[in-house]
Amino acid sequence: MEVLRVPVSQDLSGFVAMLRRMQLPFRVSEEAGEQVLRAPAELAEHLRKLYAEFPDGNAPLDAMPAPPAPRIAMFATPLRSVPFTALVLLATLVIALITHVGENFETIRWFSFTDFRIQGDYAYFASLEQSLDAGQWWRLFTPMFIHFGWLHLAMNSLWYWELGRRIETRQGVFALLGLTLLYSLVSNFAQYAYGGTGIFGGLSGVLYGLLGHCWLYQKLAPGEAYRLPSGVVVLMLAWLVICLTGVIEVVSFGALAIANSAHVGGLVAGCLTGVCGGMLARSRHAR
């Protein structure tokens, strides 16, 4: 996380040398005319106190205070700090159990984008207009909770935890709520518009929205919360391109159908919100 931010005219070399002597993990970068020192969150307060006392790094080795012992956080602690992320994951798990992870069509129809009925070997779908005229507005969002198989559920849940908690930590509960609903709406409409009526679902459209948001927000307003692990964006975009080629359907002999329109729609929406949010954050910081 960000620990210090000082003008580039200020000499940090002595303080940096002291941190190296102490063998503490840190990184210094130049951003918008300032030097930014980042370090693990548990060392932040310790490093600030060190800088306040020894800004030139001229403390004798025996006078340097010891860094705090690393804290081992319980799993329940981060859950309490990101309640909406945890709530979405809980709802996803519950609906996966209700729908037997995509095998119980009688319960899947409650959450699908449009209603349908199974008769013999055929599925008959209502139009979106018919579903909305019946007051079933929840269908615009609930396909994100439908998953087809435990691997599908596990992968999407892990990525939502990784991306959702970043946004909730930096921008708050209501920002993540609004973005999740927006990306779900856009990705579902995109899949319905280009893929036609059918059963589709999963958090992946929302995930591509969260990815695009974090990616471009970080480009415009750098911060520790949205600093994704190296290669994540490249990996996700490469997977999107591979899916768009249709090779996954060919290799799986049609057993795996990828909601490509939902992925692209979510990513475009996420990139737009990331640019808007990053520009706003940058302008606030400039003031």
C-alpha atoms as a PDB file:
ATOM      1  CA  MET A   1       0.000   0.000   0.000  1.00  0.00           C
ATOM      2  CA  GLU A   2       0.995   3.652  -0.327  1.00  0.00           C
ATOM      3  CA  VAL A   3       3.069   4.769   2.662  1.00  0.00           C
ATOM      4  CA  LEU A   4       4.621   8.110   1.709  1.00  0.00           C
ATOM      5  CA  ARG A   5       4.238  10.674  -1.054  1.00  0.00           C
ATOM      6  CA  VAL A   6       6.886  13.419  -1.253  1.00  0.00           C
ATOM      7  CA  PRO A   7       8.014  15.884  -3.960  1.00  0.00           C
ATOM      8  CA  VAL A   8      10.640  14.694  -6.447  1.00  0.00           C
ATOM      9  CA  SER A   9      12.879  17.527  -5.242  1.00  0.00           C
ATOM     10  CA  GLN A  10      13.181  15.849  -1.855  1.00  0.00           C
ATOM     11  CA  ASP A  11      16.109  13.447  -1.522  1.00  0.00           C
ATOM     12  CA  LEU A  12      14.930  10.031  -0.389  1.00  0.00           C
ATOM     13  CA  SER A  13      18.190   8.220  -1.066  1.00  0.00           C
ATOM     14  CA  GLY A  14      19.324   8.162   2.571  1.00  0.00           C
ATOM     15  CA  PHE A  15      15.978   6.878   3.831  1.00  0.00           C
ATOM     16  CA  VAL A  16      15.837   4.255   1.061  1.00  0.00           C
ATOM     17  CA  ALA A  17      19.357   3.101   1.940  1.00  0.00           C
ATOM     18  CA  MET A  18      18.302   2.717   5.577  1.00  0.00           C
ATOM     19  CA  LEU A  19      15.319   0.571   4.592  1.00  0.00           C
ATOM     20  CA  ARG A  20      17.626  -1.630   2.536  1.00  0.00           C
ATOM     21  CA  ARG A  21      19.934  -2.039   5.516  1.00  0.00           C
ATOM     22  CA  MET A  22      16.912  -3.099   7.543  1.00  0.00           C
ATOM     23  CA  GLN A  23      15.980  -5.556   4.730  1.00  0.00           C
ATOM     24  CA  LEU A  24      12.391  -4.302   4.616  1.00  0.00           C
ATOM     25  CA  PRO A  25      10.228  -4.851   1.518  1.00  0.00           C
ATOM     26  CA  PHE A  26       9.349  -1.609  -0.267  1.00  0.00           C
ATOM     27  CA  ARG A  27       9.175   0.054  -3.668  1.00  0.00           C
ATOM     28  CA  VAL A  28       9.624   3.671  -4.764  1.00  0.00           C
ATOM     29  CA  SER A  29       8.100   5.065  -7.954  1.00  0.00           C
ATOM     30  CA  GLU A  30       7.612   8.497  -9.499  1.00  0.00           C
ATOM     31  CA  GLU A  31       4.002   9.478 -10.141  1.00  0.00           C
ATOM     32  CA  ALA A  32       2.683  12.870 -11.246  1.00  0.00           C
ATOM     33  CA  GLY A  33       5.772  14.730 -10.061  1.00  0.00           C
ATOM     34  CA  GLU A  34       5.975  12.985  -6.694  1.00  0.00           C
ATOM     35  CA  GLN A  35       7.923  10.106  -5.196  1.00  0.00           C
ATOM     36  CA  VAL A  36       5.658   7.392  -3.834  1.00  0.00           C
ATOM     37  CA  LEU A  37       6.899   4.805  -1.355  1.00  0.00           C
ATOM     38  CA  ARG A  38       4.855   1.600  -1.134  1.00  0.00           C
ATOM     39  CA  ALA A  39       5.194  -1.339   1.245  1.00  0.00           C
ATOM     40  CA  PRO A  40       3.045  -4.129   2.719  1.00  0.00           C
ATOM     41  CA  ALA A  41       0.104  -2.792   4.740  1.00  0.00           C
ATOM     42  CA  GLU A  42       1.411  -4.168   8.045  1.00  0.00           C
ATOM     43  CA  LEU A  43       4.593  -2.075   7.680  1.00  0.00           C
ATOM     44  CA  ALA A  44       2.926   1.208   6.691  1.00  0.00           C
ATOM     45  CA  GLU A  45       2.665   2.810  10.120  1.00  0.00           C
ATOM     46  CA  HIS A  46       6.146   1.589  11.088  1.00  0.00           C
ATOM     47  CA  LEU A  47       7.695   3.175   7.988  1.00  0.00           C
ATOM     48  CA  ARG A  48       5.868   6.456   8.540  1.00  0.00           C
ATOM     49  CA  LYS A  49       7.272   6.643  12.078  1.00  0.00           C
ATOM     50  CA  LEU A  50      10.747   5.844  10.768  1.00  0.00           C
ATOM     51  CA  TYR A  51      10.491   8.629   8.199  1.00  0.00           C
ATOM     52  CA  ALA A  52       9.220  11.113  10.783  1.00  0.00           C
ATOM     53  CA  GLU A  53      12.185  10.335  13.050  1.00  0.00           C
ATOM     54  CA  PHE A  54      14.938   9.644  10.481  1.00  0.00           C
ATOM     55  CA  PRO A  55      13.998  11.305   7.142  1.00  0.00           C
ATOM     56  CA  ASP A  56      17.664  11.319   6.065  1.00  0.00           C
ATOM     57  CA  GLY A  57      18.173   7.685   7.039  1.00  0.00           C
ATOM     58  CA  ASN A  58      20.948   8.622   9.466  1.00  0.00           C
ATOM     59  CA  ALA A  59      19.873   6.396  12.356  1.00  0.00           C
ATOM     60  CA  PRO A  60      22.538   4.082  13.792  1.00  0.00           C
ATOM     61  CA  LEU A  61      21.726   0.439  13.204  1.00  0.00           C
ATOM     62  CA  ASP A  62      21.280  -0.328  16.894  1.00  0.00           C
ATOM     63  CA  ALA A  63      18.798   2.533  17.253  1.00  0.00           C
ATOM     64  CA  MET A  64      16.487   1.353  14.489  1.00  0.00           C
ATOM     65  CA  PRO A  65      13.170   0.129  15.888  1.00  0.00           C
ATOM     66  CA  ALA A  66      12.261  -3.423  14.953  1.00  0.00           C
ATOM     67  CA  PRO A  67       9.446  -3.831  12.404  1.00  0.00           C
ATOM     68  CA  PRO A  68       6.147  -5.188  13.703  1.00  0.00           C
ATOM     69  CA  ALA A  69       5.669  -8.925  13.661  1.00  0.00           C
ATOM     70  CA  PRO A  70       3.617 -10.050  10.650  1.00  0.00           C
ATOM     71  CA  ARG A  71      -0.071 -10.376  11.397  1.00  0.00           C
ATOM     72  CA  ILE A  72      -1.954 -13.523  10.462  1.00  0.00           C
ATOM     73  CA  ALA A  73      -5.453 -12.424   9.493  1.00  0.00           C
ATOM     74  CA  MET A  74      -8.317 -14.813  10.054  1.00  0.00           C
ATOM     75  CA  PHE A  75     -10.500 -15.549   7.013  1.00  0.00           C
ATOM     76  CA  ALA A  76     -13.525 -13.981   8.746  1.00  0.00           C
ATOM     77  CA  THR A  77     -11.758 -10.632   9.127  1.00  0.00           C
ATOM     78  CA  PRO A  78     -11.498  -9.761   5.410  1.00  0.00           C
ATOM     79  CA  LEU A  79     -15.046 -11.037   4.923  1.00  0.00           C
ATOM     80  CA  ARG A  80     -16.293  -8.522   7.490  1.00  0.00           C
ATOM     81  CA  SER A  81     -14.372  -5.753   5.772  1.00  0.00           C
ATOM     82  CA  VAL A  82     -15.926  -6.490   2.347  1.00  0.00           C
ATOM     83  CA  PRO A  83     -19.540  -7.411   3.152  1.00  0.00           C
ATOM     84  CA  PHE A  84     -20.994  -6.954  -0.330  1.00  0.00           C
ATOM     85  CA  THR A  85     -18.335  -9.107  -1.968  1.00  0.00           C
ATOM     86  CA  ALA A  86     -19.051 -11.810   0.600  1.00  0.00           C
ATOM     87  CA  LEU A  87     -22.818 -11.442   0.089  1.00  0.00           C
ATOM     88  CA  VAL A  88     -22.538 -11.923  -3.697  1.00  0.00           C
ATOM     89  CA  LEU A  89     -20.410 -15.034  -3.216  1.00  0.00           C
ATOM     90  CA  LEU A  90     -22.871 -16.425  -0.678  1.00  0.00           C
ATOM     91  CA  ALA A  91     -25.841 -15.778  -2.987  1.00  0.00           C
ATOM     92  CA  THR A  92     -23.943 -17.396  -5.862  1.00  0.00           C
ATOM     93  CA  LEU A  93     -23.268 -20.507  -3.786  1.00  0.00           C
ATOM     94  CA  VAL A  94     -26.862 -20.760  -2.555  1.00  0.00           C
ATOM     95  CA  ILE A  95     -28.285 -20.468  -6.078  1.00  0.00           C
ATOM     96  CA  ALA A  96     -25.736 -22.994  -7.342  1.00  0.00           C
ATOM     97  CA  LEU A  97     -27.062 -25.446  -4.754  1.00  0.00           C
ATOM     98  CA  ILE A  98     -30.692 -24.642  -5.608  1.00  0.00           C
ATOM     99  CA  THR A  99     -30.074 -25.172  -9.327  1.00  0.00           C
ATOM    100  CA  HIS A 100     -27.832 -28.218  -8.777  1.00  0.00           C
ATOM    101  CA  VAL A 101     -25.051 -26.233 -10.530  1.00  0.00           C
ATOM    102  CA  GLY A 102     -26.961 -25.998 -13.780  1.00  0.00           C
ATOM    103  CA  GLU A 103     -28.715 -29.359 -13.888  1.00  0.00           C
ATOM    104  CA  ASN A 104     -32.135 -28.519 -12.440  1.00  0.00           C
ATOM    105  CA  PHE A 105     -34.006 -26.664 -15.183  1.00  0.00           C
ATOM    106  CA  GLU A 106     -37.109 -26.213 -13.037  1.00  0.00           C
ATOM    107  CA  THR A 107     -35.138 -23.942 -10.697  1.00  0.00           C
ATOM    108  CA  ILE A 108     -32.827 -22.450 -13.342  1.00  0.00           C
ATOM    109  CA  ARG A 109     -35.892 -20.924 -15.026  1.00  0.00           C
ATOM    110  CA  TRP A 110     -36.433 -18.736 -11.932  1.00  0.00           C
ATOM    111  CA  PHE A 111     -33.122 -16.965 -12.598  1.00  0.00           C
ATOM    112  CA  SER A 112     -32.718 -17.127 -16.392  1.00  0.00           C
ATOM    113  CA  PHE A 113     -32.856 -13.992 -18.549  1.00  0.00           C
ATOM    114  CA  THR A 114     -36.203 -15.064 -20.013  1.00  0.00           C
ATOM    115  CA  ASP A 115     -38.637 -17.674 -18.770  1.00  0.00           C
ATOM    116  CA  PHE A 116     -38.819 -21.045 -20.493  1.00  0.00           C
ATOM    117  CA  ARG A 117     -40.441 -24.449 -20.207  1.00  0.00           C
ATOM    118  CA  ILE A 118     -39.163 -27.886 -21.106  1.00  0.00           C
ATOM    119  CA  GLN A 119     -41.489 -30.122 -23.076  1.00  0.00           C
ATOM    120  CA  GLY A 120     -40.045 -33.429 -24.156  1.00  0.00           C
ATOM    121  CA  ASP A 121     -36.752 -32.784 -25.899  1.00  0.00           C
ATOM    122  CA  TYR A 122     -37.527 -29.139 -26.626  1.00  0.00           C
ATOM    123  CA  ALA A 123     -37.227 -25.882 -24.682  1.00  0.00           C
ATOM    124  CA  TYR A 124     -39.751 -23.116 -25.356  1.00  0.00           C
ATOM    125  CA  PHE A 125     -38.623 -19.624 -24.387  1.00  0.00           C
ATOM    126  CA  ALA A 126     -40.687 -16.557 -23.639  1.00  0.00           C
ATOM    127  CA  SER A 127     -39.541 -13.275 -25.151  1.00  0.00           C
ATOM    128  CA  LEU A 128     -37.904 -10.634 -22.986  1.00  0.00           C
ATOM    129  CA  GLU A 129     -40.937  -8.402 -23.467  1.00  0.00           C
ATOM    130  CA  GLN A 130     -43.246 -11.120 -22.149  1.00  0.00           C
ATOM    131  CA  SER A 131     -41.037 -11.681 -19.114  1.00  0.00           C
ATOM    132  CA  LEU A 132     -40.864  -7.973 -18.302  1.00  0.00           C
ATOM    133  CA  ASP A 133     -44.589  -7.466 -18.909  1.00  0.00           C
ATOM    134  CA  ALA A 134     -45.138 -10.174 -16.287  1.00  0.00           C
ATOM    135  CA  GLY A 135     -43.161  -8.024 -13.797  1.00  0.00           C
ATOM    136  CA  GLN A 136     -40.116 -10.319 -13.781  1.00  0.00           C
ATOM    137  CA  TRP A 137     -37.555  -7.507 -13.752  1.00  0.00           C
ATOM    138  CA  TRP A 138     -35.127  -9.488 -11.620  1.00  0.00           C
ATOM    139  CA  ARG A 139     -34.291 -11.539 -14.722  1.00  0.00           C
ATOM    140  CA  LEU A 140     -32.225  -8.645 -16.059  1.00  0.00           C
ATOM    141  CA  PHE A 141     -29.619  -9.378 -13.370  1.00  0.00           C
ATOM    142  CA  THR A 142     -30.035 -12.894 -11.964  1.00  0.00           C
ATOM    143  CA  PRO A 143     -28.332 -14.881 -14.783  1.00  0.00           C
ATOM    144  CA  MET A 144     -25.027 -13.907 -13.147  1.00  0.00           C
ATOM    145  CA  PHE A 145     -25.871 -16.322 -10.298  1.00  0.00           C
ATOM    146  CA  ILE A 146     -26.391 -19.355 -12.571  1.00  0.00           C
ATOM    147  CA  HIS A 147     -23.359 -21.625 -12.948  1.00  0.00           C
ATOM    148  CA  PHE A 148     -22.903 -24.835 -14.872  1.00  0.00           C
ATOM    149  CA  GLY A 149     -20.632 -27.136 -12.924  1.00  0.00           C
ATOM    150  CA  TRP A 150     -18.486 -26.782  -9.818  1.00  0.00           C
ATOM    151  CA  LEU A 151     -15.380 -25.687 -11.745  1.00  0.00           C
ATOM    152  CA  HIS A 152     -17.342 -22.863 -13.399  1.00  0.00           C
ATOM    153  CA  LEU A 153     -18.606 -21.786  -9.984  1.00  0.00           C
ATOM    154  CA  ALA A 154     -15.204 -22.030  -8.284  1.00  0.00           C
ATOM    155  CA  MET A 155     -13.292 -20.063 -10.930  1.00  0.00           C
ATOM    156  CA  ASN A 156     -15.843 -17.269 -11.159  1.00  0.00           C
ATOM    157  CA  SER A 157     -16.131 -17.026  -7.363  1.00  0.00           C
ATOM    158  CA  LEU A 158     -12.362 -16.764  -6.925  1.00  0.00           C
ATOM    159  CA  TRP A 159     -12.110 -14.004  -9.523  1.00  0.00           C
ATOM    160  CA  TYR A 160     -15.040 -12.087  -8.031  1.00  0.00           C
ATOM    161  CA  TRP A 161     -13.350 -12.275  -4.631  1.00  0.00           C
ATOM    162  CA  GLU A 162     -10.068 -11.059  -6.120  1.00  0.00           C
ATOM    163  CA  LEU A 163     -11.560  -8.136  -8.092  1.00  0.00           C
ATOM    164  CA  GLY A 164     -14.682  -7.273  -6.108  1.00  0.00           C
ATOM    165  CA  ARG A 165     -12.912  -6.795  -2.787  1.00  0.00           C
ATOM    166  CA  ARG A 166     -10.466  -4.381  -4.427  1.00  0.00           C
ATOM    167  CA  ILE A 167     -13.272  -2.118  -5.595  1.00  0.00           C
ATOM    168  CA  GLU A 168     -15.210  -2.403  -2.336  1.00  0.00           C
ATOM    169  CA  THR A 169     -12.067  -1.531  -0.349  1.00  0.00           C
ATOM    170  CA  ARG A 170     -11.156   1.500  -2.453  1.00  0.00           C
ATOM    171  CA  GLN A 171     -14.525   2.851  -3.619  1.00  0.00           C
ATOM    172  CA  GLY A 172     -16.980   1.403  -1.116  1.00  0.00           C
ATOM    173  CA  VAL A 173     -19.965  -0.931  -0.932  1.00  0.00           C
ATOM    174  CA  PHE A 174     -22.308   1.150  -3.063  1.00  0.00           C
ATOM    175  CA  ALA A 175     -19.759   1.529  -5.850  1.00  0.00           C
ATOM    176  CA  LEU A 176     -19.319  -2.237  -6.080  1.00  0.00           C
ATOM    177  CA  LEU A 177     -23.094  -2.758  -5.877  1.00  0.00           C
ATOM    178  CA  GLY A 178     -23.714  -0.307  -8.708  1.00  0.00           C
ATOM    179  CA  LEU A 179     -20.908  -1.641 -10.884  1.00  0.00           C
ATOM    180  CA  THR A 180     -21.946  -5.264 -10.378  1.00  0.00           C
ATOM    181  CA  LEU A 181     -25.538  -4.501 -11.376  1.00  0.00           C
ATOM    182  CA  LEU A 182     -24.410  -2.392 -14.334  1.00  0.00           C
ATOM    183  CA  TYR A 183     -22.037  -5.033 -15.701  1.00  0.00           C
ATOM    184  CA  SER A 184     -24.610  -7.764 -15.163  1.00  0.00           C
ATOM    185  CA  LEU A 185     -27.252  -5.775 -17.033  1.00  0.00           C
ATOM    186  CA  VAL A 186     -24.957  -4.880 -19.938  1.00  0.00           C
ATOM    187  CA  SER A 187     -23.454  -8.361 -20.319  1.00  0.00           C
ATOM    188  CA  ASN A 188     -26.860 -10.080 -20.145  1.00  0.00           C
ATOM    189  CA  PHE A 189     -28.352  -7.729 -22.733  1.00  0.00           C
ATOM    190  CA  ALA A 190     -25.321  -8.191 -24.973  1.00  0.00           C
ATOM    191  CA  GLN A 191     -25.602 -11.972 -24.821  1.00  0.00           C
ATOM    192  CA  TYR A 192     -29.345 -11.861 -25.434  1.00  0.00           C
ATOM    193  CA  ALA A 193     -28.981  -9.408 -28.330  1.00  0.00           C
ATOM    194  CA  TYR A 194     -26.227 -11.294 -30.164  1.00  0.00           C
ATOM    195  CA  GLY A 195     -26.762 -14.845 -28.962  1.00  0.00           C
ATOM    196  CA  GLY A 196     -30.539 -14.889 -29.010  1.00  0.00           C
ATOM    197  CA  THR A 197     -32.829 -16.640 -26.554  1.00  0.00           C
ATOM    198  CA  GLY A 198     -31.265 -19.437 -24.584  1.00  0.00           C
ATOM    199  CA  ILE A 199     -29.987 -20.438 -21.189  1.00  0.00           C
ATOM    200  CA  PHE A 200     -26.831 -18.583 -20.240  1.00  0.00           C
ATOM    201  CA  GLY A 201     -25.337 -17.495 -16.971  1.00  0.00           C
ATOM    202  CA  GLY A 202     -22.330 -16.975 -14.760  1.00  0.00           C
ATOM    203  CA  LEU A 203     -20.389 -14.128 -13.221  1.00  0.00           C
ATOM    204  CA  SER A 204     -17.869 -13.956 -16.059  1.00  0.00           C
ATOM    205  CA  GLY A 205     -19.495 -10.980 -17.800  1.00  0.00           C
ATOM    206  CA  VAL A 206     -19.402  -9.090 -14.497  1.00  0.00           C
ATOM    207  CA  LEU A 207     -15.801 -10.228 -13.945  1.00  0.00           C
ATOM    208  CA  TYR A 208     -14.658  -8.797 -17.268  1.00  0.00           C
ATOM    209  CA  GLY A 209     -16.355  -5.548 -16.263  1.00  0.00           C
ATOM    210  CA  LEU A 210     -14.535  -5.485 -12.919  1.00  0.00           C
ATOM    211  CA  LEU A 211     -11.264  -6.301 -14.687  1.00  0.00           C
ATOM    212  CA  GLY A 212     -11.660  -3.463 -17.195  1.00  0.00           C
ATOM    213  CA  HIS A 213     -12.607  -1.065 -14.395  1.00  0.00           C
ATOM    214  CA  CYS A 214      -9.591  -1.901 -12.206  1.00  0.00           C
ATOM    215  CA  TRP A 215      -7.219  -1.935 -15.187  1.00  0.00           C
ATOM    216  CA  LEU A 216      -8.004   1.513 -16.600  1.00  0.00           C
ATOM    217  CA  TYR A 217      -8.756   3.142 -13.246  1.00  0.00           C
ATOM    218  CA  GLN A 218      -5.251   2.105 -12.150  1.00  0.00           C
ATOM    219  CA  LYS A 219      -3.740   3.547 -15.323  1.00  0.00           C
ATOM    220  CA  LEU A 220      -5.289   6.971 -14.665  1.00  0.00           C
ATOM    221  CA  ALA A 221      -5.194   7.096 -10.846  1.00  0.00           C
ATOM    222  CA  PRO A 222      -2.534   4.639  -9.607  1.00  0.00           C
ATOM    223  CA  GLY A 223      -3.126   3.096  -6.200  1.00  0.00           C
ATOM    224  CA  GLU A 224      -2.263  -0.074  -4.359  1.00  0.00           C
ATOM    225  CA  ALA A 225      -5.830  -1.453  -4.289  1.00  0.00           C
ATOM    226  CA  TYR A 226      -6.110  -1.767  -8.076  1.00  0.00           C
ATOM    227  CA  ARG A 227      -2.561  -2.938  -8.708  1.00  0.00           C
ATOM    228  CA  LEU A 228      -3.290  -6.348 -10.231  1.00  0.00           C
ATOM    229  CA  PRO A 229      -0.740  -9.177 -10.159  1.00  0.00           C
ATOM    230  CA  SER A 230       1.610  -9.180 -13.148  1.00  0.00           C
ATOM    231  CA  GLY A 231       0.128 -10.797 -16.232  1.00  0.00           C
ATOM    232  CA  VAL A 232      -3.489 -10.989 -15.012  1.00  0.00           C
ATOM    233  CA  VAL A 233      -4.869  -8.535 -17.581  1.00  0.00           C
ATOM    234  CA  VAL A 234      -2.905 -10.189 -20.406  1.00  0.00           C
ATOM    235  CA  LEU A 235      -4.104 -13.639 -19.319  1.00  0.00           C
ATOM    236  CA  MET A 236      -7.764 -12.600 -19.135  1.00  0.00           C
ATOM    237  CA  LEU A 237      -7.670 -10.782 -22.474  1.00  0.00           C
ATOM    238  CA  ALA A 238      -5.873 -13.701 -24.109  1.00  0.00           C
ATOM    239  CA  TRP A 239      -8.560 -16.069 -22.802  1.00  0.00           C
ATOM    240  CA  LEU A 240     -11.242 -13.761 -24.206  1.00  0.00           C
ATOM    241  CA  VAL A 241      -9.604 -13.805 -27.655  1.00  0.00           C
ATOM    242  CA  ILE A 242      -9.261 -17.605 -27.568  1.00  0.00           C
ATOM    243  CA  CYS A 243     -12.942 -17.949 -26.683  1.00  0.00           C
ATOM    244  CA  LEU A 244     -13.930 -15.570 -29.481  1.00  0.00           C
ATOM    245  CA  THR A 245     -12.181 -17.785 -32.038  1.00  0.00           C
ATOM    246  CA  GLY A 246     -14.577 -20.633 -31.196  1.00  0.00           C
ATOM    247  CA  VAL A 247     -11.772 -23.089 -30.544  1.00  0.00           C
ATOM    248  CA  ILE A 248     -13.143 -23.979 -27.088  1.00  0.00           C
ATOM    249  CA  GLU A 249     -16.446 -25.185 -28.571  1.00  0.00           C
ATOM    250  CA  VAL A 250     -14.570 -27.161 -31.232  1.00  0.00           C
ATOM    251  CA  VAL A 251     -12.210 -28.852 -28.767  1.00  0.00           C
ATOM    252  CA  SER A 252     -15.063 -29.696 -26.377  1.00  0.00           C
ATOM    253  CA  PHE A 253     -17.248 -30.938 -29.285  1.00  0.00           C
ATOM    254  CA  GLY A 254     -19.925 -28.407 -28.344  1.00  0.00           C
ATOM    255  CA  ALA A 255     -20.061 -29.477 -24.693  1.00  0.00           C
ATOM    256  CA  LEU A 256     -18.843 -26.019 -23.585  1.00  0.00           C
ATOM    257  CA  ALA A 257     -20.707 -22.951 -24.842  1.00  0.00           C
ATOM    258  CA  ILE A 258     -18.972 -19.665 -24.082  1.00  0.00           C
ATOM    259  CA  ALA A 259     -21.046 -16.494 -23.596  1.00  0.00           C
ATOM    260  CA  ASN A 260     -18.644 -14.373 -25.648  1.00  0.00           C
ATOM    261  CA  SER A 261     -21.052 -11.464 -26.103  1.00  0.00           C
ATOM    262  CA  ALA A 262     -21.498 -11.224 -22.335  1.00  0.00           C
ATOM    263  CA  HIS A 263     -17.716 -11.137 -21.850  1.00  0.00           C
ATOM    264  CA  VAL A 264     -17.178  -8.422 -24.450  1.00  0.00           C
ATOM    265  CA  GLY A 265     -20.134  -6.367 -23.207  1.00  0.00           C
ATOM    266  CA  GLY A 266     -18.909  -6.541 -19.615  1.00  0.00           C
ATOM    267  CA  LEU A 267     -15.358  -5.613 -20.595  1.00  0.00           C
ATOM    268  CA  VAL A 268     -16.450  -2.585 -22.636  1.00  0.00           C
ATOM    269  CA  ALA A 269     -18.679  -1.355 -19.806  1.00  0.00           C
ATOM    270  CA  GLY A 270     -15.867  -1.875 -17.286  1.00  0.00           C
ATOM    271  CA  CYS A 271     -13.345   0.015 -19.394  1.00  0.00           C
ATOM    272  CA  LEU A 272     -15.751   2.953 -19.671  1.00  0.00           C
ATOM    273  CA  THR A 273     -16.403   3.115 -15.915  1.00  0.00           C
ATOM    274  CA  GLY A 274     -12.684   2.680 -15.240  1.00  0.00           C
ATOM    275  CA  VAL A 275     -11.831   5.650 -17.447  1.00  0.00           C
ATOM    276  CA  CYS A 276     -14.558   7.807 -15.884  1.00  0.00           C
ATOM    277  CA  GLY A 277     -13.698   6.805 -12.328  1.00  0.00           C
ATOM    278  CA  GLY A 278      -9.963   7.168 -12.873  1.00  0.00           C
ATOM    279  CA  MET A 279     -10.343  10.625 -14.394  1.00  0.00           C
ATOM    280  CA  LEU A 280     -12.521  11.778 -11.493  1.00  0.00           C
ATOM    281  CA  ALA A 281     -10.062  10.414  -8.932  1.00  0.00           C
ATOM    282  CA  ARG A 282      -7.169  12.032 -10.768  1.00  0.00           C
ATOM    283  CA  SER A 283      -8.895  15.416 -10.901  1.00  0.00           C
ATOM    284  CA  ARG A 284      -9.695  15.249  -7.162  1.00  0.00           C
ATOM    285  CA  HIS A 285      -6.070  14.449  -6.377  1.00  0.00           C
ATOM    286  CA  ALA A 286      -4.878  17.321  -8.614  1.00  0.00           C
ATOM    287  CA  ARG A 287      -6.871  19.776  -6.492  1.00  0.00           C
END
